[in-house]
C-alpha atoms as a PDB file:
ATOM      1  CA  MET A   1       0.000   0.000   0.000  1.00  0.00           C
ATOM      2  CA  ALA A   2       1.240   3.475  -0.835  1.00  0.00           C
ATOM      3  CA  THR A   3       1.329   6.387   1.562  1.00  0.00           C
ATOM      4  CA  VAL A   4       0.788   9.894   0.217  1.00  0.00           C
ATOM      5  CA  ILE A   5       2.174  12.790   2.238  1.00  0.00           C
ATOM      6  CA  PHE A   6       1.003  16.331   1.542  1.00  0.00           C
ATOM      7  CA  LYS A   7       3.217  19.175   2.773  1.00  0.00           C
ATOM      8  CA  THR A   8       0.298  21.460   3.538  1.00  0.00           C
ATOM      9  CA  ASP A   9       2.465  24.460   4.426  1.00  0.00           C
ATOM     10  CA  GLU A  10       4.044  24.397   0.954  1.00  0.00           C
ATOM     11  CA  CYS A  11       0.824  23.863  -1.021  1.00  0.00           C
ATOM     12  CA  LYS A  12      -0.581  26.879  -2.872  1.00  0.00           C
ATOM     13  CA  GLY A  13      -3.880  25.192  -3.734  1.00  0.00           C
ATOM     14  CA  CYS A  14      -3.443  25.287  -7.506  1.00  0.00           C
ATOM     15  CA  GLY A  15      -5.529  22.123  -7.933  1.00  0.00           C
ATOM     16  CA  LEU A  16      -3.306  20.398 -10.499  1.00  0.00           C
ATOM     17  CA  CYS A  17      -3.053  17.339  -8.255  1.00  0.00           C
ATOM     18  CA  VAL A  18      -6.844  17.226  -7.961  1.00  0.00           C
ATOM     19  CA  GLN A  19      -7.163  17.031 -11.739  1.00  0.00           C
ATOM     20  CA  ALA A  20      -4.365  14.448 -12.032  1.00  0.00           C
ATOM     21  CA  CYS A  21      -5.817  11.875  -9.618  1.00  0.00           C
ATOM     22  CA  PRO A  22      -7.448   9.085 -11.665  1.00  0.00           C
ATOM     23  CA  LYS A  23      -9.545   7.959  -8.683  1.00  0.00           C
ATOM     24  CA  ASN A  24     -10.655  11.477  -7.633  1.00  0.00           C
ATOM     25  CA  LEU A  25      -9.180  11.016  -4.144  1.00  0.00           C
ATOM     26  CA  VAL A  26      -7.362  14.358  -3.936  1.00  0.00           C
ATOM     27  CA  LYS A  27      -9.397  17.389  -2.889  1.00  0.00           C
ATOM     28  CA  LEU A  28      -8.652  20.932  -1.813  1.00  0.00           C
ATOM     29  CA  GLY A  29      -9.375  21.571   1.852  1.00  0.00           C
ATOM     30  CA  GLU A  30     -12.726  23.222   2.379  1.00  0.00           C
ATOM     31  CA  HIS A  31     -12.162  24.283   5.972  1.00  0.00           C
ATOM     32  CA  THR A  32      -8.359  24.359   6.166  1.00  0.00           C
ATOM     33  CA  ILE A  33      -6.111  27.309   5.358  1.00  0.00           C
ATOM     34  CA  ASN A  34      -2.319  27.034   5.527  1.00  0.00           C
ATOM     35  CA  ALA A  35       0.181  29.659   6.698  1.00  0.00           C
ATOM     36  CA  LYS A  36       0.333  31.168   3.196  1.00  0.00           C
ATOM     37  CA  GLY A  37      -3.441  31.664   3.099  1.00  0.00           C
ATOM     38  CA  PHE A  38      -4.219  28.880   0.625  1.00  0.00           C
ATOM     39  CA  ARG A  39      -6.531  25.878   0.855  1.00  0.00           C
ATOM     40  CA  PRO A  40      -4.079  22.942   0.768  1.00  0.00           C
ATOM     41  CA  ALA A  41      -4.788  19.684  -1.013  1.00  0.00           C
ATOM     42  CA  GLY A  42      -5.252  16.406   0.798  1.00  0.00           C
ATOM     43  CA  LEU A  43      -6.289  12.813   0.282  1.00  0.00           C
ATOM     44  CA  THR A  44      -9.861  11.794   1.026  1.00  0.00           C
ATOM     45  CA  ASP A  45      -9.238   8.031   1.368  1.00  0.00           C
ATOM     46  CA  GLN A  46      -5.673   6.789   1.879  1.00  0.00           C
ATOM     47  CA  SER A  47      -6.693   3.114   1.641  1.00  0.00           C
ATOM     48  CA  ALA A  48      -8.194   3.589  -1.841  1.00  0.00           C
ATOM     49  CA  CYS A  49      -5.036   5.210  -3.245  1.00  0.00           C
ATOM     50  CA  SER A  50      -3.130   3.036  -5.739  1.00  0.00           C
ATOM     51  CA  GLY A  51       0.112   5.007  -5.364  1.00  0.00           C
ATOM     52  CA  CYS A  52       0.310   6.018  -9.023  1.00  0.00           C
ATOM     53  CA  ALA A  53       2.016   9.301  -7.984  1.00  0.00           C
ATOM     54  CA  PHE A  54       0.315  11.348 -10.703  1.00  0.00           C
ATOM     55  CA  CYS A  55      -0.516  13.938  -8.051  1.00  0.00           C
ATOM     56  CA  ALA A  56       3.137  14.252  -7.012  1.00  0.00           C
ATOM     57  CA  LEU A  57       4.324  14.495 -10.612  1.00  0.00           C
ATOM     58  CA  MET A  58       1.896  17.344 -11.339  1.00  0.00           C
ATOM     59  CA  CYS A  59       2.701  19.389  -8.215  1.00  0.00           C
ATOM     60  CA  PRO A  60       4.779  22.438  -9.228  1.00  0.00           C
ATOM     61  CA  ASP A  61       5.760  23.060  -5.589  1.00  0.00           C
ATOM     62  CA  VAL A  62       6.928  19.480  -4.875  1.00  0.00           C
ATOM     63  CA  ALA A  63       4.531  19.461  -1.925  1.00  0.00           C
ATOM     64  CA  ILE A  64       3.446  15.821  -2.388  1.00  0.00           C
ATOM     65  CA  LYS A  65       5.475  12.726  -1.600  1.00  0.00           C
ATOM     66  CA  VAL A  66       4.404   9.149  -2.375  1.00  0.00           C
ATOM     67  CA  GLU A  67       6.017   6.342  -0.402  1.00  0.00           C
ATOM     68  CA  ARG A  68       5.552   2.748  -1.500  1.00  0.00           C
END
């Protein structure tokens, strides 16, 4: 099983990872705001993630890490 780690303080909420997820598991936080004032992305269901790392590849801020 893969583990996806989001560095929420580095995320600018661009949403590219949301669009890249083939299972629609990545969402922007609705009630969370990071230190930079953005809504950071996060995973809705870790157990359903296949670990494809498309989200990490699309992140321009390298704020996502996938461990297998």
